[in-house]
Amino acid sequence: MIVTGAKVLTMDEAMPRAEAVALAGGRIVAVGSAAEVLALRGPQTQVIEAGGRTLLPGLIESHMHLFGGAELNHLQLTGVRGREALHAAFHDFARRREGMLMAEGADYSLLPHPVTRHDLDAIFADRPVAIRAMDHHTVWANTAALEAAGLLHGAEMPRGHEVVMGEDGLATGELREFEAFDAILALAGVARMYLGIAHGAEPAVWPSDAERAVDKDHIARGMAHCAAQGFTTLVSMDGNRYTLALLREMQAEGRLTQRVKVPFHMKPDMDLSELDRASAMTAEFADEWISSGFVKMFMDGVVDSRTAFMLQDYPGVPGHRSEALFEAERFNAICTEIDRRGLQIAVHAIGDGAVRQTIDGYEAAAKANGLSDKRHRIEHIELIDRADIPRLAELGIIASLQPPHPPGAMDFPIAAMETVFDPSRWKDAYLCRTLAEAGAKVAFASDWPVADVSAMRSLRANLTRPVYEGGTTQGLDLGAALYAYTAGGAHAAHMEGLTGQLKVGMAGDLTLIDGDIEAIAAEHLGQTRIALTVAGGRITHQVPGIA
C-alpha cells in the first residue's frame, strides 16, 4: 500500500515531514517524497491518493474503556437536561427496548437538584430504570431497580463505595463508585464486562460460547467506533485476563482492529500475592497486538460527587475532603512490589491529595528498587499542588491527561468549577501546559466512554479551552497535542519501538485526517472527519471517495 499526495507529519525528529508513505507486510517500508515512494509501486500495490489531507501515525487512545462498546446500546443522555427532556428521552427509548432501561452520559446538572429514585419513578415506576453519570463513578436508580438489585434497604460497601441512604431509612437512589452499583449493571446484563475494574476479578465460571460471543460483539462495536476516529492502539483502563482471552479469540477470528493493552486491577483489600496474576497476564499476553504489563489502581473518586481526595475542604462542605482509597503505607508497599516485578503502574488520581499520595508511592518504589524507566502513570490529575509538579519529571511519571475533561472545554459544564473547586485553586486545576513545561511526559486520551472518543473534538477542546480565574493558558500547541496523541502515547505505553512515528521499520499504523490540519481553524476541528485508518497495514476505516 502507498499513501501519496498527503501532508505527512511523521513525529520523527530526523524527518518531520514527507509526502508519501509505503507499507508492506504490515510495516512501513518507505517515507519520503511522492516520487521516491511511488517508484516502489508494483503490480499489486494499492495506491491511495490523499489529495492534500494530513497523514499521521496511527492515533493512540492512552486511556479508554473497552466496555464502552456495550454502552453504545444504551440511552445516551449527553446534553440532556431538565425533567421534560429526560422524560421524553426515556419514553422514546422505551419504545425500542424491553426490560431494564439503562442510560449513559448524564452530567450532575441533569436536574436542578440531586437526582433521586423518586425522580426516576416519575418516568417509570414499574420498570427498572438507571442512569450512569458521564464520569462513570455514580449511578442513579429508581425504586424498581433498587429493589431488584437488593439495594433499597442499603448494603455494606468497602471503603469509598456507598449506597446513599435517606432519612426514611431507604436508599435515595444515588450509588457512588463501582461496587455500589455493580448489582445495577448486572440487571442491565453487562456486569461481566466490569469484573476487572469493579473487583479485580475473573468470571467465577468460564462463560459459554454464546456469552463470549456477546462480549466479543461489545468489544468489536467499541473498536469499530474507535477506528472511525482514527485510533490504531487502545490502552484500556478496564479488563482482566478474561478480556485478554476474548481479544485473543478475536485475533484468531480476524476481528482485531487495534493493538490493545489491558491492565490487572489491584484493589485495596487484595494481598500482595495477587500480583502473581498480574505477572502471569504479562507473560501470557505479550505480542504486538495484545498485551498487559501494567497494574491499574484507583486512589480516589471524582470531583462532582465529592469523592476525589483533596488537601483542602470542598467549597460549602466544611471538614469534607474525602479520603484516599489506599492507606499511604499500604500503597507504598504495593507500588514497591509492582515496580520490583518490572511492571508499570497506572493510578486514577483526581484530587490534589490523591495525586500527592500517588507520587509518594512512586517515590517509595524508586527508593526501594532504584529509579528506572518504568514510566509509572497518573491518570487525570485534575488538581495538583504546585509543590508536587516538579516531582513528576524527577520520577519519570507520565501525565495521562484528557483534553475533554476540563469544565467548559467540551461537554462538561463550566458550572462544575464553582461547586467542587475553591476559586483560589482554579489556577491549579486541569493543568497541561504547566506540567509539560515542567518536564512531565504527556499522553492524551478521552477516557471514552466518559467523554467522546473523537480525537478531533479533543484537539479542539485542547486548543480552545477556557482560561480559569487566576490561571494561564493550559492547552498545548497543535504540534505538541498531535505528539501527545501519537509518539507521546506510544512512549507512555512502552510501544515507541513499534508505533507512534512514521519511519521505516515501524508498524503500518496510519491515520488520514480529512483536510490540512494545520490550516483548519481550531474552532472547526471538531467537525473534521477521519478519512482513513490503517492498523498493521490493514484498512480498518475508510470514508467514500478514498481509494
Protein backbone atom coordinates (compact mmCIF):
# COMPACT_ATOMS: atom_id res chain seq x y z
CA MET A 1 0.00 0.00 0.00
CA ILE A 2 1.16 3.52 -0.79
CA VAL A 3 -0.47 6.68 0.54
CA THR A 4 0.65 9.65 -1.51
CA GLY A 5 -0.27 13.30 -2.03
CA ALA A 6 -0.52 13.88 1.72
CA LYS A 7 0.84 16.35 4.21
CA VAL A 8 2.72 13.74 6.23
CA LEU A 9 3.55 14.65 9.83
CA THR A 10 5.83 11.81 10.89
CA MET A 11 6.56 12.68 14.57
CA ASP A 12 10.13 11.66 13.71
CA GLU A 13 12.63 14.41 14.52
CA ALA A 14 15.02 13.13 11.86
CA MET A 15 12.44 13.74 9.11
CA PRO A 16 9.38 15.52 10.49
CA ARG A 17 7.56 15.97 7.15
CA ALA A 18 7.05 13.95 3.99
CA GLU A 19 4.64 13.48 1.06
CA ALA A 20 4.08 9.73 0.93
CA VAL A 21 4.37 6.51 2.91
CA ALA A 22 4.66 2.91 1.68
CA LEU A 23 3.60 -0.20 3.65
CA ALA A 24 4.37 -3.86 3.08
CA GLY A 25 3.97 -6.85 5.37
CA GLY A 26 2.29 -4.67 7.98
CA ARG A 27 5.36 -2.43 8.29
CA ILE A 28 6.45 0.95 6.95
CA VAL A 29 8.98 0.40 4.15
CA ALA A 30 9.40 3.95 2.87
CA VAL A 31 8.72 7.54 3.90
CA GLY A 32 9.64 10.44 1.65
CA SER A 33 8.68 12.42 -1.42
CA ALA A 34 5.85 11.25 -3.65
CA ALA A 35 8.31 10.45 -6.46
CA GLU A 36 10.60 8.40 -4.20
CA VAL A 37 7.81 6.35 -2.70
CA LEU A 38 5.80 5.82 -5.91
CA ALA A 39 8.95 4.39 -7.52
CA LEU A 40 8.38 1.34 -5.29
CA ARG A 41 4.94 0.66 -6.78
CA GLY A 42 4.40 -2.87 -8.09
CA PRO A 43 1.51 -4.54 -9.92
CA GLN A 44 -0.25 -5.47 -6.65
CA THR A 45 0.28 -2.14 -4.90
CA GLN A 46 -2.79 -0.31 -3.66
CA VAL A 47 -2.20 3.41 -4.18
CA ILE A 48 -4.29 5.80 -2.12
CA GLU A 49 -4.32 9.41 -3.28
CA ALA A 50 -4.66 11.57 -0.17
CA GLY A 51 -5.50 14.79 -2.01
CA GLY A 52 -3.63 17.07 0.39
CA ARG A 53 -5.10 15.53 3.53
CA THR A 54 -2.98 15.16 6.68
CA LEU A 55 -1.35 11.80 7.36
CA LEU A 56 -0.27 10.96 10.91
CA PRO A 57 1.00 7.88 12.71
CA GLY A 58 -1.98 5.85 13.89
CA LEU A 59 -3.60 7.66 16.81
CA ILE A 60 -3.17 6.15 20.26
CA GLU A 61 -6.01 6.28 22.80
CA SER A 62 -3.99 6.25 26.00
CA HIS A 63 -6.90 5.93 28.43
CA MET A 64 -10.18 4.36 27.35
CA HIS A 65 -12.52 1.56 28.37
CA LEU A 66 -13.32 -1.42 26.17
CA PHE A 67 -16.67 -1.83 27.92
CA GLY A 68 -17.77 1.31 26.10
CA GLY A 69 -18.88 -0.91 23.25
CA ALA A 70 -21.61 -2.33 25.48
CA GLU A 71 -22.82 1.16 26.34
CA LEU A 72 -23.44 2.12 22.73
CA ASN A 73 -26.69 0.13 23.01
CA HIS A 74 -27.90 2.19 25.97
CA LEU A 75 -29.76 5.51 26.01
CA GLN A 76 -27.30 8.38 25.53
CA LEU A 77 -28.04 11.45 27.67
CA THR A 78 -25.10 13.73 26.85
CA GLY A 79 -26.51 17.26 26.69
CA VAL A 80 -29.94 16.26 28.06
CA ARG A 81 -31.08 18.43 30.97
CA GLY A 82 -34.40 19.05 32.68
CA ARG A 83 -37.30 16.85 33.70
CA GLU A 84 -39.25 17.17 30.43
CA ALA A 85 -36.29 16.36 28.19
CA LEU A 86 -35.31 13.42 30.41
CA HIS A 87 -38.87 12.06 30.40
CA ALA A 88 -39.12 12.34 26.61
CA ALA A 89 -35.75 10.66 26.02
CA PHE A 90 -36.61 7.68 28.21
CA HIS A 91 -40.07 7.16 26.76
CA ASP A 92 -38.73 7.30 23.21
CA PHE A 93 -36.02 4.79 24.16
CA ALA A 94 -38.53 2.54 25.94
CA ARG A 95 -40.50 2.06 22.72
CA ARG A 96 -37.42 0.39 21.23
CA ARG A 97 -36.32 -1.65 24.28
CA GLU A 98 -37.68 -4.30 26.60
CA GLY A 99 -36.77 -4.90 30.22
CA MET A 100 -34.46 -2.60 32.16
CA LEU A 101 -33.76 0.88 30.79
CA MET A 102 -30.12 1.89 31.21
CA ALA A 103 -28.90 5.37 30.29
CA GLU A 104 -25.38 6.77 29.96
CA GLY A 105 -23.61 10.13 29.76
CA ALA A 106 -25.61 12.28 32.20
CA ASP A 107 -23.90 15.14 33.97
CA TYR A 108 -24.59 16.09 37.57
CA SER A 109 -26.69 19.08 36.50
CA LEU A 110 -29.18 16.79 34.78
CA LEU A 111 -31.90 18.15 37.11
CA PRO A 112 -31.87 21.35 39.19
CA HIS A 113 -31.46 19.20 42.31
CA PRO A 114 -29.65 15.92 43.10
CA VAL A 115 -31.34 13.05 41.29
CA THR A 116 -33.37 10.66 43.48
CA ARG A 117 -35.18 7.39 42.91
CA HIS A 118 -38.43 9.35 43.06
CA ASP A 119 -37.37 11.43 40.04
CA LEU A 120 -36.87 8.24 38.07
CA ASP A 121 -40.03 6.64 39.47
CA ALA A 122 -41.89 9.52 37.84
CA ILE A 123 -40.58 8.31 34.47
CA PHE A 124 -41.28 4.61 35.01
CA ALA A 125 -42.41 3.20 38.37
CA ASP A 126 -42.97 -0.38 37.25
CA ARG A 127 -39.81 -0.88 35.18
CA PRO A 128 -36.17 -0.78 36.38
CA VAL A 129 -34.52 2.46 35.30
CA ALA A 130 -30.95 3.59 35.92
CA ILE A 131 -28.74 6.45 34.75
CA ARG A 132 -24.97 6.43 34.89
CA ALA A 133 -23.15 9.73 35.27
CA MET A 134 -20.83 10.81 32.49
CA ASP A 135 -17.82 10.22 34.74
CA HIS A 136 -18.95 6.61 35.39
CA HIS A 137 -18.50 6.96 39.14
CA THR A 138 -22.17 7.48 40.08
CA VAL A 139 -25.39 5.70 39.13
CA TRP A 140 -28.92 6.85 39.93
CA ALA A 141 -31.60 4.14 40.04
CA ASN A 142 -35.36 4.09 40.52
CA THR A 143 -37.14 2.12 43.22
CA ALA A 144 -37.82 -0.87 40.97
CA ALA A 145 -34.13 -1.15 40.05
CA LEU A 146 -33.01 -0.77 43.67
CA GLU A 147 -35.43 -3.47 44.79
CA ALA A 148 -34.37 -5.85 42.03
CA ALA A 149 -30.70 -5.26 42.87
CA GLY A 150 -31.25 -5.75 46.62
CA LEU A 151 -30.10 -2.21 47.44
CA LEU A 152 -33.28 -0.42 48.53
CA HIS A 153 -32.54 -1.04 52.20
CA GLY A 154 -28.82 -0.33 51.83
CA ALA A 155 -25.82 -2.62 51.73
CA GLU A 156 -22.38 -2.85 53.29
CA MET A 157 -19.75 -1.48 50.97
CA PRO A 158 -15.94 -1.29 51.00
CA ARG A 159 -14.19 1.97 51.72
CA GLY A 160 -15.05 4.70 49.22
CA HIS A 161 -18.12 2.93 47.79
CA GLU A 162 -21.55 3.96 49.05
CA VAL A 163 -25.26 3.30 48.74
CA VAL A 164 -26.52 6.73 49.80
CA MET A 165 -29.30 6.42 52.37
CA GLY A 166 -32.18 8.82 53.05
CA GLU A 167 -33.77 9.95 56.30
CA ASP A 168 -36.56 7.42 55.70
CA GLY A 169 -34.06 4.56 56.04
CA LEU A 170 -34.23 3.70 52.34
CA ALA A 171 -31.73 4.27 49.55
CA THR A 172 -32.08 7.66 47.89
CA GLY A 173 -31.21 6.17 44.51
CA GLU A 174 -27.65 7.54 44.36
CA LEU A 175 -24.95 4.88 44.19
CA ARG A 176 -21.34 6.03 44.44
CA GLU A 177 -18.45 4.10 42.91
CA PHE A 178 -18.26 0.73 41.20
CA GLU A 179 -19.09 -1.79 43.90
CA ALA A 180 -22.14 0.21 44.97
CA PHE A 181 -23.74 -0.04 41.54
CA ASP A 182 -22.32 -3.39 40.43
CA ALA A 183 -25.69 -5.09 41.01
CA ILE A 184 -27.41 -2.49 38.81
CA LEU A 185 -25.02 -3.29 35.95
CA ALA A 186 -25.86 -6.96 36.46
CA LEU A 187 -29.54 -6.13 35.90
CA ALA A 188 -28.53 -4.39 32.66
CA GLY A 189 -26.73 -7.55 31.55
CA VAL A 190 -23.25 -6.03 31.33
CA ALA A 191 -21.69 -6.92 34.70
CA ARG A 192 -19.34 -9.48 33.16
CA MET A 193 -17.61 -6.67 31.25
CA TYR A 194 -16.92 -4.78 34.51
CA LEU A 195 -15.49 -7.57 36.68
CA GLY A 196 -11.94 -6.31 36.29
CA ILE A 197 -12.45 -2.63 37.02
CA ALA A 198 -15.04 -3.20 39.76
CA HIS A 199 -13.48 -6.11 41.64
CA GLY A 200 -10.18 -7.08 40.03
CA ALA A 201 -11.88 -10.42 39.48
CA GLU A 202 -12.41 -13.06 36.82
CA PRO A 203 -15.65 -14.87 35.96
CA ALA A 204 -16.40 -17.50 38.64
CA VAL A 205 -17.46 -19.88 35.85
CA TRP A 206 -15.88 -19.60 32.41
CA PRO A 207 -18.51 -18.02 30.15
CA SER A 208 -20.15 -20.15 27.49
CA ASP A 209 -19.50 -19.78 23.78
CA ALA A 210 -22.73 -17.78 23.47
CA GLU A 211 -21.82 -15.48 26.37
CA ARG A 212 -18.33 -14.90 24.99
CA ALA A 213 -19.82 -14.14 21.59
CA VAL A 214 -21.97 -11.40 23.16
CA ASP A 215 -18.96 -9.90 24.94
CA LYS A 216 -16.81 -10.05 21.80
CA ASP A 217 -19.54 -8.26 19.88
CA HIS A 218 -19.49 -5.50 22.53
CA ILE A 219 -15.72 -5.15 22.11
CA ALA A 220 -15.94 -5.21 18.32
CA ARG A 221 -18.61 -2.49 18.38
CA GLY A 222 -16.35 -0.29 20.52
CA MET A 223 -13.33 -0.99 18.33
CA ALA A 224 -15.22 -0.03 15.18
CA HIS A 225 -16.31 3.18 16.89
CA CYS A 226 -12.68 3.96 17.77
CA ALA A 227 -11.35 3.02 14.33
CA ALA A 228 -13.75 5.53 12.78
CA GLN A 229 -11.99 8.17 14.90
CA GLY A 230 -8.53 7.19 13.68
CA PHE A 231 -7.32 5.03 16.58
CA THR A 232 -4.98 2.12 15.93
CA THR A 233 -3.88 1.49 19.52
CA LEU A 234 -6.08 1.36 22.61
CA VAL A 235 -4.86 1.38 26.20
CA SER A 236 -7.85 0.04 28.09
CA MET A 237 -8.16 1.01 31.73
CA ASP A 238 -10.62 -1.79 32.46
CA GLY A 239 -10.43 -5.52 31.91
CA ASN A 240 -8.84 -8.68 33.25
CA ARG A 241 -7.44 -11.96 31.95
CA TYR A 242 -10.90 -12.80 30.59
CA THR A 243 -10.78 -9.63 28.48
CA LEU A 244 -7.38 -10.62 27.12
CA ALA A 245 -8.68 -14.09 26.30
CA LEU A 246 -11.59 -12.57 24.37
CA LEU A 247 -9.16 -10.39 22.44
CA ARG A 248 -7.04 -13.40 21.58
CA GLU A 249 -10.12 -15.20 20.25
CA MET A 250 -10.97 -12.14 18.19
CA GLN A 251 -7.39 -12.06 16.89
CA ALA A 252 -7.73 -15.66 15.71
CA GLU A 253 -11.05 -14.78 14.09
CA GLY A 254 -9.53 -11.84 12.21
CA ARG A 255 -11.66 -9.32 14.14
CA LEU A 256 -8.92 -7.39 15.97
CA THR A 257 -8.68 -3.88 14.54
CA GLN A 258 -6.43 -2.21 17.14
CA ARG A 259 -3.46 -3.03 19.31
CA VAL A 260 -4.82 -3.32 22.85
CA LYS A 261 -3.20 -3.16 26.29
CA VAL A 262 -5.24 -4.39 29.28
CA PRO A 263 -4.30 -3.97 32.97
CA PHE A 264 -4.53 -6.06 36.09
CA HIS A 265 -6.65 -4.25 38.68
CA MET A 266 -5.25 -4.11 42.21
CA LYS A 267 -7.84 -3.42 44.91
CA PRO A 268 -7.14 -2.14 48.44
CA ASP A 269 -8.17 -5.40 50.13
CA MET A 270 -6.00 -7.64 47.94
CA ASP A 271 -2.95 -9.41 49.28
CA LEU A 272 0.35 -8.67 47.56
CA SER A 273 0.38 -12.26 46.32
CA GLU A 274 -2.47 -11.33 43.97
CA LEU A 275 0.16 -9.57 41.88
CA ASP A 276 1.21 -13.03 40.71
CA ARG A 277 -1.85 -12.77 38.48
CA ALA A 278 -0.53 -9.51 37.01
CA SER A 279 2.83 -11.10 36.26
CA ALA A 280 1.13 -14.13 34.71
CA MET A 281 -1.06 -11.95 32.47
CA THR A 282 2.03 -10.02 31.36
CA ALA A 283 3.89 -13.22 30.45
CA GLU A 284 0.93 -14.84 28.68
CA PHE A 285 -0.13 -11.85 26.60
CA ALA A 286 2.86 -10.06 25.13
CA ASP A 287 2.63 -9.76 21.36
CA GLU A 288 2.40 -6.63 19.19
CA TRP A 289 -1.41 -6.67 19.26
CA ILE A 290 -2.46 -7.91 22.70
CA SER A 291 -0.52 -7.14 25.86
CA SER A 292 -0.78 -6.34 29.55
CA GLY A 293 2.28 -5.31 31.52
CA PHE A 294 0.67 -2.81 33.87
CA VAL A 295 -1.36 -2.59 37.06
CA LYS A 296 -4.26 -0.16 37.48
CA MET A 297 -5.41 1.28 40.82
CA PHE A 298 -7.91 3.89 41.97
CA MET A 299 -6.66 6.36 44.58
CA ASP A 300 -9.91 8.34 44.77
CA GLY A 301 -13.24 9.04 43.09
CA VAL A 302 -14.36 12.15 41.18
CA VAL A 303 -14.93 15.81 41.96
CA ASP A 304 -18.62 16.03 41.06
CA SER A 305 -19.65 13.51 43.72
CA ARG A 306 -17.00 14.97 46.05
CA THR A 307 -15.24 11.62 46.32
CA ALA A 308 -11.96 12.96 44.90
CA PHE A 309 -9.40 13.23 47.72
CA MET A 310 -8.45 16.85 48.36
CA LEU A 311 -5.87 18.60 50.52
CA GLN A 312 -8.43 21.29 51.38
CA ASP A 313 -12.15 21.24 52.16
CA TYR A 314 -14.70 21.21 49.36
CA PRO A 315 -16.49 24.57 48.90
CA GLY A 316 -19.54 24.77 51.13
CA VAL A 317 -18.79 21.46 52.87
CA PRO A 318 -16.61 22.31 55.89
CA GLY A 319 -14.44 19.41 57.01
CA HIS A 320 -15.05 17.29 53.92
CA ARG A 321 -12.04 16.39 51.81
CA SER A 322 -12.95 12.77 51.01
CA GLU A 323 -10.21 10.17 51.55
CA ALA A 324 -7.70 8.05 49.72
CA LEU A 325 -8.89 4.56 48.84
CA PHE A 326 -5.49 3.15 49.84
CA GLU A 327 -3.78 3.88 53.14
CA ALA A 328 -0.43 5.51 52.46
CA GLU A 329 1.86 2.86 53.93
CA ARG A 330 -0.07 0.09 52.23
CA PHE A 331 0.01 1.88 48.88
CA ASN A 332 3.76 2.42 49.13
CA ALA A 333 4.28 -1.30 49.71
CA ILE A 334 2.08 -2.20 46.74
CA CYS A 335 3.91 0.22 44.42
CA THR A 336 7.26 -1.11 45.57
CA GLU A 337 6.26 -4.69 44.80
CA ILE A 338 4.75 -3.88 41.40
CA ASP A 339 7.86 -1.90 40.48
CA ARG A 340 10.10 -4.75 41.69
CA ARG A 341 8.28 -7.09 39.31
CA GLY A 342 9.11 -4.80 36.39
CA LEU A 343 5.51 -3.79 35.78
CA GLN A 344 4.16 -0.35 35.01
CA ILE A 345 1.67 1.32 37.37
CA ALA A 346 -1.30 3.48 36.36
CA VAL A 347 -3.25 5.22 39.12
CA HIS A 348 -6.51 7.15 38.81
CA ALA A 349 -5.84 10.25 40.93
CA ILE A 350 -8.04 13.32 40.55
CA GLY A 351 -7.80 15.38 43.74
CA ASP A 352 -4.55 17.01 44.80
CA GLY A 353 -4.45 14.77 47.88
CA ALA A 354 -4.73 11.67 45.71
CA VAL A 355 -2.08 12.96 43.29
CA ARG A 356 0.36 13.63 46.12
CA GLN A 357 -0.16 10.21 47.70
CA THR A 358 0.34 8.55 44.32
CA ILE A 359 3.60 10.41 43.73
CA ASP A 360 4.70 9.42 47.25
CA GLY A 361 4.06 5.77 46.37
CA TYR A 362 6.13 6.01 43.19
CA GLU A 363 8.90 7.73 45.14
CA ALA A 364 8.86 4.94 47.73
CA ALA A 365 9.23 2.37 44.94
CA ALA A 366 12.16 4.29 43.44
CA LYS A 367 13.91 4.48 46.80
CA ALA A 368 13.46 0.76 47.39
CA ASN A 369 14.27 -0.54 43.91
CA GLY A 370 16.20 2.27 42.27
CA LEU A 371 14.79 4.72 39.74
CA SER A 372 14.28 3.01 36.39
CA ASP A 373 12.36 3.58 33.18
CA LYS A 374 9.04 2.06 34.30
CA ARG A 375 7.08 5.17 33.23
CA HIS A 376 4.54 4.92 36.02
CA ARG A 377 1.47 6.95 35.18
CA ILE A 378 -1.03 9.21 36.87
CA GLU A 379 -4.42 9.27 35.20
CA HIS A 380 -6.31 12.59 35.10
CA ILE A 381 -4.51 14.92 37.61
CA GLU A 382 -7.45 17.31 37.75
CA LEU A 383 -5.97 19.22 40.68
CA ILE A 384 -2.35 19.32 41.82
CA ASP A 385 -0.47 21.23 44.49
CA ARG A 386 2.20 23.37 42.81
CA ALA A 387 4.87 21.91 45.09
CA ASP A 388 4.27 18.47 43.56
CA ILE A 389 4.67 19.48 39.91
CA PRO A 390 8.49 19.12 39.69
CA ARG A 391 8.26 15.61 41.15
CA LEU A 392 6.61 14.28 38.00
CA ALA A 393 9.68 14.88 35.86
CA GLU A 394 12.08 13.90 38.65
CA LEU A 395 10.45 10.47 38.93
CA GLY A 396 9.74 9.99 35.22
CA ILE A 397 5.99 9.95 35.79
CA ILE A 398 3.68 10.06 32.76
CA ALA A 399 0.87 12.62 32.95
CA SER A 400 -2.06 10.87 31.27
CA LEU A 401 -4.45 13.74 30.54
CA GLN A 402 -7.85 14.10 28.90
CA PRO A 403 -8.49 17.37 26.99
CA PRO A 404 -12.30 16.81 27.05
CA HIS A 405 -12.41 16.78 30.87
CA PRO A 406 -11.85 20.43 31.90
CA PRO A 407 -15.27 22.00 32.52
CA GLY A 408 -16.21 24.34 29.69
CA ALA A 409 -13.78 22.74 27.24
CA MET A 410 -16.15 20.27 25.63
CA ASP A 411 -19.20 18.51 27.12
CA PHE A 412 -18.67 19.03 30.87
CA PRO A 413 -20.41 22.23 32.05
CA ILE A 414 -18.31 25.11 33.34
CA ALA A 415 -20.61 25.34 36.38
CA ALA A 416 -18.84 22.31 37.84
CA MET A 417 -15.83 24.50 38.67
CA GLU A 418 -17.86 26.60 41.09
CA THR A 419 -19.16 23.67 43.13
CA VAL A 420 -16.07 21.50 43.50
CA PHE A 421 -13.01 23.78 43.48
CA ASP A 422 -12.36 26.76 45.69
CA PRO A 423 -11.79 29.76 43.36
CA SER A 424 -8.32 30.22 44.83
CA ARG A 425 -7.38 26.79 43.40
CA TRP A 426 -8.79 27.18 39.90
CA LYS A 427 -5.34 28.17 38.72
CA ASP A 428 -4.09 24.70 39.75
CA ALA A 429 -6.89 22.74 38.06
CA TYR A 430 -6.59 20.77 34.83
CA LEU A 431 -3.02 21.81 34.20
CA CYS A 432 -1.49 20.58 30.98
CA ARG A 433 0.93 23.13 29.56
CA THR A 434 2.34 23.77 33.02
CA LEU A 435 3.06 20.06 33.57
CA ALA A 436 4.63 19.73 30.13
CA GLU A 437 6.79 22.81 30.61
CA ALA A 438 7.95 21.37 33.94
CA GLY A 439 9.27 18.32 32.09
CA ALA A 440 6.47 15.82 32.53
CA LYS A 441 5.83 13.49 29.59
CA VAL A 442 2.22 13.92 28.43
CA ALA A 443 -0.11 11.43 26.75
CA PHE A 444 -3.57 12.46 25.55
CA ALA A 445 -6.78 10.46 25.71
CA SER A 446 -10.54 10.84 26.07
CA ASP A 447 -11.39 8.31 28.82
CA TRP A 448 -14.13 7.07 26.46
CA PRO A 449 -16.99 6.45 27.11
CA VAL A 450 -16.66 9.03 29.90
CA ALA A 451 -16.10 11.57 27.10
CA ASP A 452 -16.46 11.45 23.33
CA VAL A 453 -13.57 9.45 21.88
CA SER A 454 -13.17 11.83 18.92
CA ALA A 455 -9.56 12.99 18.78
CA MET A 456 -10.59 15.89 16.59
CA ARG A 457 -13.06 17.20 19.15
CA SER A 458 -10.41 16.60 21.81
CA LEU A 459 -7.86 18.64 19.85
CA ARG A 460 -10.40 21.43 19.53
CA ALA A 461 -11.06 21.29 23.29
CA ASN A 462 -7.32 21.44 23.99
CA LEU A 463 -6.84 24.49 21.76
CA THR A 464 -9.96 26.44 22.77
CA ARG A 465 -10.42 25.53 26.45
CA PRO A 466 -11.23 28.41 28.81
CA VAL A 467 -8.62 30.10 30.98
CA TYR A 468 -9.79 29.76 34.57
CA GLU A 469 -9.76 32.67 37.01
CA GLY A 470 -6.22 33.38 38.17
CA GLY A 471 -4.76 30.83 35.76
CA THR A 472 -2.93 30.78 32.45
CA THR A 473 -3.48 29.16 29.06
CA GLN A 474 -3.17 25.40 29.58
CA GLY A 475 -3.77 23.92 26.13
CA LEU A 476 -0.76 22.55 24.26
CA ASP A 477 0.01 23.96 20.83
CA LEU A 478 -1.20 21.84 17.89
CA GLY A 479 2.12 20.11 17.24
CA ALA A 480 2.56 19.11 20.87
CA ALA A 481 -1.07 17.94 21.08
CA LEU A 482 -0.66 15.73 17.99
CA TYR A 483 2.54 14.35 19.51
CA ALA A 484 0.64 13.52 22.72
CA TYR A 485 -1.86 11.52 20.66
CA THR A 486 0.87 9.65 18.73
CA ALA A 487 4.51 9.38 19.81
CA GLY A 488 3.68 10.56 23.33
CA GLY A 489 1.05 7.86 23.68
CA ALA A 490 3.46 5.24 22.33
CA HIS A 491 6.09 6.30 24.88
CA ALA A 492 3.55 6.11 27.71
CA ALA A 493 2.63 2.57 26.66
CA HIS A 494 6.25 1.36 26.19
CA MET A 495 5.45 0.95 22.48
CA GLU A 496 7.77 3.59 20.99
CA GLY A 497 9.72 0.91 19.13
CA LEU A 498 6.56 -0.26 17.40
CA THR A 499 4.22 2.63 16.69
CA GLY A 500 3.68 6.37 17.18
CA GLN A 501 6.00 7.51 14.39
CA LEU A 502 6.14 7.18 10.63
CA LYS A 503 9.57 5.81 9.84
CA VAL A 504 10.95 2.73 8.15
CA GLY A 505 10.56 -0.44 10.20
CA MET A 506 7.70 0.83 12.37
CA ALA A 507 4.22 -0.70 12.29
CA GLY A 508 1.99 0.24 9.38
CA ASP A 509 -0.38 2.29 11.56
CA LEU A 510 -1.78 5.37 9.79
CA THR A 511 -4.46 7.98 10.38
CA LEU A 512 -5.54 10.21 7.48
CA ILE A 513 -7.34 13.38 8.56
CA ASP A 514 -9.80 14.90 6.12
CA GLY A 515 -8.04 18.20 5.49
CA ASP A 516 -4.87 20.13 6.21
CA ILE A 517 -4.95 20.09 9.98
CA GLU A 518 -2.50 22.97 10.22
CA ALA A 519 -4.84 25.18 8.17
CA ILE A 520 -8.13 24.29 9.88
CA ALA A 521 -9.26 26.87 12.44
CA ALA A 522 -9.19 25.44 15.95
CA GLU A 523 -12.91 26.03 16.47
CA HIS A 524 -13.69 23.94 13.37
CA LEU A 525 -11.57 20.91 14.22
CA GLY A 526 -14.48 19.16 15.90
CA GLN A 527 -16.26 18.79 12.56
CA THR A 528 -13.25 17.29 10.80
CA ARG A 529 -13.60 13.66 9.71
CA ILE A 530 -11.10 10.84 9.76
CA ALA A 531 -10.82 9.75 6.13
CA LEU A 532 -8.79 6.56 6.57
CA THR A 533 -7.48 4.39 9.40
CA VAL A 534 -4.89 1.68 8.79
CA ALA A 535 -3.68 -0.69 11.53
CA GLY A 536 -0.79 -3.01 10.76
CA GLY A 537 -1.24 -2.39 7.03
CA ARG A 538 -4.95 -3.28 7.14
CA ILE A 539 -7.67 -0.71 6.45
CA THR A 540 -10.00 -0.56 9.45
CA HIS A 541 -11.96 2.55 8.48
CA GLN A 542 -12.43 4.32 5.16
CA VAL A 543 -14.81 7.05 4.01
CA PRO A 544 -16.29 7.03 0.49
CA GLY A 545 -14.06 8.66 -2.07
CA ILE A 546 -10.78 7.41 -0.59
CA ALA A 547 -9.44 4.69 -2.89
